[in-house]
Every structure is written in C-alpha cells, then in structure tokens.
Amino acid sequence: MSVRTPDPDPDWTPDAEPPPHPSSTPGWLTDFELAQIRERLPLLYVEAVPVRVDGLGQVTELGVLLRANPLGEMTRTLVSGRVMYGETLRDALFRHLEKDLGPMAFPQLPLSPVPFSVAEYFPLPGISAFTDDRQHAVSLAYVVSVTGTCEPRQDALEITWMTPEEAASDEVCAEMEGGRGVLLRQALASVGGLR
C-alpha cells in the first residue's frame, strides 16, 4: 500500500493568495466530508485542562467549560478540538485554547508535546471509559496553565474555576460529557493535585 500526498493545484503559484473558503483548503473539511470520514477513520484530537498555578507551580484552580449539547442538556467539558491536516500539536492546542477561552487567556503551553494521557473515544459505550456518539476519536490530553482572563467563546457558555478537590468530586465528574470526569481526575493525578 502506498501513501501519496494530494496532487498539487495546477493553478497554484508561490505568489498566489490562499483560497478564502475553508472547504477549498486542504486542512478543512465540509460538514459532509467530515461525516463521511467519521464513519471510516479515527480522528485525532487535542484536549486541555486549563489550570491556574501559584508561585510554587502548584495547581490552585481548574477550569471546566459549561456547554449545551444538541439535546439542550447542560454538560461540563474540557477545551478540545481536532488537529487539522498539516497542523502541529502545539498549534492545534493553542488554537483550541484561544477558541474556547478567548484571546486574553494567555496559555503557557507545555514544553514537551507528550500528553499526560491518551483518551480513546468510541461511539459505543463499554469499550473504554470515553464515548463520543459521532465517531471513534483519539485524543491527546494536556494540562495547560493560563495566566490571563478567560472569556469563553464559540459554543462554551461559561468557564467554571474550581479547586482540585471540587473538580475531583463525584458530582463534577458525573456532569462531564463522554467520560471526561476520568480524564479530569487523570489530569489532577499527573500534576500531584489528588490527595
């Protein structure tokens, strides 16, 4: 089996402007294309647990997003999103942090691209702790310190800051969509936040 890169556009020149419409850019997919791909391939995602730290680097607060799902139910979730074709993990992580928390969040990306956990989401429950009824997805999860003001954007309604003890509670973990309560506890364990 051979793997090829897409054929170059015959009209493209080095001085040409990029196409303005996202569907004609190789890194973006139309809704139809995305639905087809989700039926056939696992997709790569990044997820971030935004935290605030004290002067000693100890986590004092974790940020959890509040969203309404397609059924109108309120759920809690983490910063997350797909990695686009040709995009580095660091760029994808920064893009989704800015998209969900706003441009003034000032995230401090980790020095290493190694995640604290790899979560595998399946459309059917019971295969792993994580579910996503749309697709099979693999997510690289990071703890990211933010130093600025977070103003949720896109489909996030608010960000709730809570102590590590509050975030690890059964009540908060039960409100997390797709099993992300497990991921939240793993994030706390990775930074020594569970006692």
Protein backbone atom coordinates (compact mmCIF):
# COMPACT_ATOMS: atom_id res chain seq x y z
CA MET A 1 0.00 0.00 0.00
CA SER A 2 1.44 3.36 -0.95
CA VAL A 3 0.56 6.71 0.54
CA ARG A 4 0.61 9.83 -1.61
CA THR A 5 0.26 13.47 -0.88
CA PRO A 6 -2.60 15.28 -2.64
CA ASP A 7 -1.95 16.31 -6.21
CA PRO A 8 -0.85 19.93 -6.43
CA ASP A 9 -3.28 22.53 -7.74
CA PRO A 10 -2.23 23.25 -11.36
CA ASP A 11 -3.22 26.94 -10.97
CA TRP A 12 -1.19 27.47 -7.78
CA THR A 13 1.89 29.69 -7.84
CA PRO A 14 4.12 30.67 -4.90
CA ASP A 15 2.70 34.23 -5.05
CA ALA A 16 -0.95 33.12 -5.10
CA GLU A 17 -3.23 34.05 -2.21
CA PRO A 18 -4.70 31.13 -0.28
CA PRO A 19 -8.29 30.31 -1.15
CA PRO A 20 -10.75 32.20 1.06
CA HIS A 21 -13.29 29.42 1.51
CA PRO A 22 -12.40 26.81 4.19
CA SER A 23 -13.73 23.89 2.17
CA SER A 24 -11.13 24.50 -0.55
CA THR A 25 -8.26 24.47 1.96
CA PRO A 26 -6.65 21.03 2.46
CA GLY A 27 -6.81 21.32 6.28
CA TRP A 28 -10.57 21.91 6.41
CA LEU A 29 -13.45 19.62 5.57
CA THR A 30 -17.03 20.32 4.62
CA ASP A 31 -19.68 19.00 7.01
CA PHE A 32 -20.46 16.23 4.54
CA GLU A 33 -16.79 15.21 4.16
CA LEU A 34 -16.33 15.21 7.93
CA ALA A 35 -19.38 13.00 8.44
CA GLN A 36 -18.07 10.52 5.86
CA ILE A 37 -14.61 10.43 7.41
CA ARG A 38 -16.02 10.00 10.93
CA GLU A 39 -17.73 6.82 9.71
CA ARG A 40 -14.46 5.33 8.43
CA LEU A 41 -11.44 6.62 10.37
CA PRO A 42 -10.46 7.52 13.91
CA LEU A 43 -9.77 11.26 14.17
CA LEU A 44 -7.01 12.92 16.17
CA TYR A 45 -7.98 15.48 18.82
CA VAL A 46 -6.24 17.52 21.49
CA GLU A 47 -7.83 18.28 24.85
CA ALA A 48 -6.68 20.70 27.51
CA VAL A 49 -7.41 21.10 31.19
CA PRO A 50 -6.81 24.81 31.85
CA VAL A 51 -5.30 25.46 35.28
CA ARG A 52 -4.13 28.35 37.40
CA VAL A 53 -0.99 27.80 39.47
CA ASP A 54 0.59 29.56 42.43
CA GLY A 55 4.19 30.80 42.66
CA LEU A 56 5.42 27.29 43.51
CA GLY A 57 3.77 25.79 40.43
CA GLN A 58 1.02 24.05 42.43
CA VAL A 59 -2.41 23.88 40.78
CA THR A 60 -4.85 26.09 42.68
CA GLU A 61 -7.79 26.00 40.24
CA LEU A 62 -9.01 24.04 37.21
CA GLY A 63 -11.26 25.44 34.52
CA VAL A 64 -14.20 23.40 33.25
CA LEU A 65 -16.43 24.56 30.40
CA LEU A 66 -20.23 24.55 30.51
CA ARG A 67 -21.96 23.73 27.22
CA ALA A 68 -25.41 22.82 25.96
CA ASN A 69 -25.42 19.57 23.96
CA PRO A 70 -27.57 19.06 20.83
CA LEU A 71 -30.43 17.81 23.03
CA GLY A 72 -30.37 21.05 25.04
CA GLU A 73 -28.88 19.40 28.14
CA MET A 74 -26.21 21.27 30.09
CA THR A 75 -22.93 19.37 30.38
CA ARG A 76 -19.41 20.12 31.50
CA THR A 77 -16.44 19.51 29.27
CA LEU A 78 -12.82 20.41 28.57
CA VAL A 79 -11.16 22.50 25.89
CA SER A 80 -10.96 20.19 22.89
CA GLY A 81 -10.87 20.00 19.13
CA ARG A 82 -9.49 18.29 16.06
CA VAL A 83 -5.94 18.50 14.81
CA MET A 84 -6.06 19.77 11.23
CA TYR A 85 -4.06 18.36 8.34
CA GLY A 86 -0.56 19.90 8.37
CA GLU A 87 -1.03 21.41 11.86
CA THR A 88 1.37 20.69 14.71
CA LEU A 89 0.03 19.51 18.05
CA ARG A 90 1.23 22.74 19.68
CA ASP A 91 -0.57 24.85 17.07
CA ALA A 92 -3.78 22.82 17.44
CA LEU A 93 -3.64 23.08 21.23
CA PHE A 94 -3.08 26.84 21.12
CA ARG A 95 -5.85 27.33 18.52
CA HIS A 96 -8.43 25.45 20.60
CA LEU A 97 -7.42 27.17 23.85
CA GLU A 98 -7.86 30.55 22.18
CA LYS A 99 -11.10 29.45 20.50
CA ASP A 100 -12.67 28.22 23.75
CA LEU A 101 -11.12 30.59 26.32
CA GLY A 102 -10.63 33.77 24.30
CA PRO A 103 -7.50 35.59 23.10
CA MET A 104 -6.69 37.04 26.54
CA ALA A 105 -6.30 33.65 28.31
CA PHE A 106 -2.53 33.65 27.67
CA PRO A 107 -1.97 29.88 27.82
CA GLN A 108 1.50 28.63 28.73
CA LEU A 109 1.85 25.57 26.50
CA PRO A 110 3.84 22.66 27.92
CA LEU A 111 7.47 22.43 26.80
CA SER A 112 7.00 18.83 25.70
CA PRO A 113 4.38 17.59 23.23
CA VAL A 114 3.95 14.46 25.38
CA PRO A 115 0.39 14.37 26.80
CA PHE A 116 -0.47 13.31 30.35
CA SER A 117 -2.96 10.84 28.84
CA VAL A 118 -4.26 9.42 25.59
CA ALA A 119 -8.04 9.02 25.59
CA GLU A 120 -9.74 6.82 23.04
CA TYR A 121 -13.39 7.72 22.38
CA PHE A 122 -15.77 5.17 20.85
CA PRO A 123 -19.33 5.63 19.56
CA LEU A 124 -20.50 2.62 21.59
CA PRO A 125 -20.23 2.62 25.39
CA GLY A 126 -18.29 -0.06 27.23
CA ILE A 127 -15.19 -0.27 25.04
CA SER A 128 -13.35 2.39 27.04
CA ALA A 129 -14.20 4.97 29.71
CA PHE A 130 -14.75 7.55 26.94
CA THR A 131 -17.64 7.83 24.49
CA ASP A 132 -18.47 10.08 21.53
CA ASP A 133 -21.60 9.04 19.65
CA ARG A 134 -20.36 10.75 16.46
CA GLN A 135 -17.09 8.91 15.95
CA HIS A 136 -14.05 6.94 17.01
CA ALA A 137 -11.51 9.54 18.15
CA VAL A 138 -8.08 9.51 19.76
CA SER A 139 -7.34 12.47 21.98
CA LEU A 140 -4.03 13.68 23.39
CA ALA A 141 -4.73 15.39 26.71
CA TYR A 142 -2.65 18.18 28.28
CA VAL A 143 -2.68 20.29 31.43
CA VAL A 144 -2.13 23.91 30.40
CA SER A 145 -1.54 26.84 32.73
CA VAL A 146 -3.37 30.04 31.79
CA THR A 147 -2.37 33.41 33.19
CA GLY A 148 -4.88 35.80 31.63
CA THR A 149 -8.60 36.46 31.60
CA CYS A 150 -10.74 33.66 30.21
CA GLU A 151 -13.88 34.67 28.32
CA PRO A 152 -15.49 31.58 26.78
CA ARG A 153 -16.28 31.79 23.09
CA GLN A 154 -17.76 29.56 20.40
CA ASP A 155 -20.22 27.10 21.94
CA ALA A 156 -18.95 27.33 25.53
CA LEU A 157 -21.40 29.19 27.77
CA GLU A 158 -19.03 29.75 30.70
CA ILE A 159 -15.88 28.53 32.36
CA THR A 160 -16.13 27.47 35.97
CA TRP A 161 -12.97 27.63 38.08
CA MET A 162 -12.84 25.13 40.91
CA THR A 163 -10.32 23.81 43.38
CA PRO A 164 -8.69 20.43 42.70
CA GLU A 165 -10.86 18.88 45.43
CA GLU A 166 -14.06 20.26 43.87
CA ALA A 167 -13.03 19.15 40.37
CA ALA A 168 -12.29 15.60 41.55
CA SER A 169 -15.69 15.27 43.26
CA ASP A 170 -18.14 12.63 42.11
CA GLU A 171 -20.73 15.34 41.36
CA VAL A 172 -18.49 17.27 38.95
CA CYS A 173 -17.15 14.13 37.28
CA ALA A 174 -20.72 12.90 36.71
CA GLU A 175 -21.55 16.17 34.88
CA MET A 176 -18.62 15.77 32.46
CA GLU A 177 -19.63 14.63 28.97
CA GLY A 178 -18.26 11.49 27.34
CA GLY A 179 -16.44 10.21 30.43
CA ARG A 180 -14.23 13.28 30.73
CA GLY A 181 -14.53 13.10 34.51
CA VAL A 182 -11.99 10.26 34.30
CA LEU A 183 -9.72 12.50 32.23
CA LEU A 184 -10.11 15.34 34.74
CA ARG A 185 -9.00 13.06 37.57
CA GLN A 186 -6.08 11.80 35.47
CA ALA A 187 -5.03 15.41 34.89
CA LEU A 188 -5.09 16.10 38.62
CA ALA A 189 -3.08 12.95 39.32
CA SER A 190 -0.48 13.95 36.70
CA VAL A 191 0.22 17.25 38.47
CA GLY A 192 0.01 15.93 42.03
CA GLY A 193 -3.39 17.52 42.61
CA LEU A 194 -5.12 14.45 44.08
CA ARG A 195 -4.69 13.87 47.80
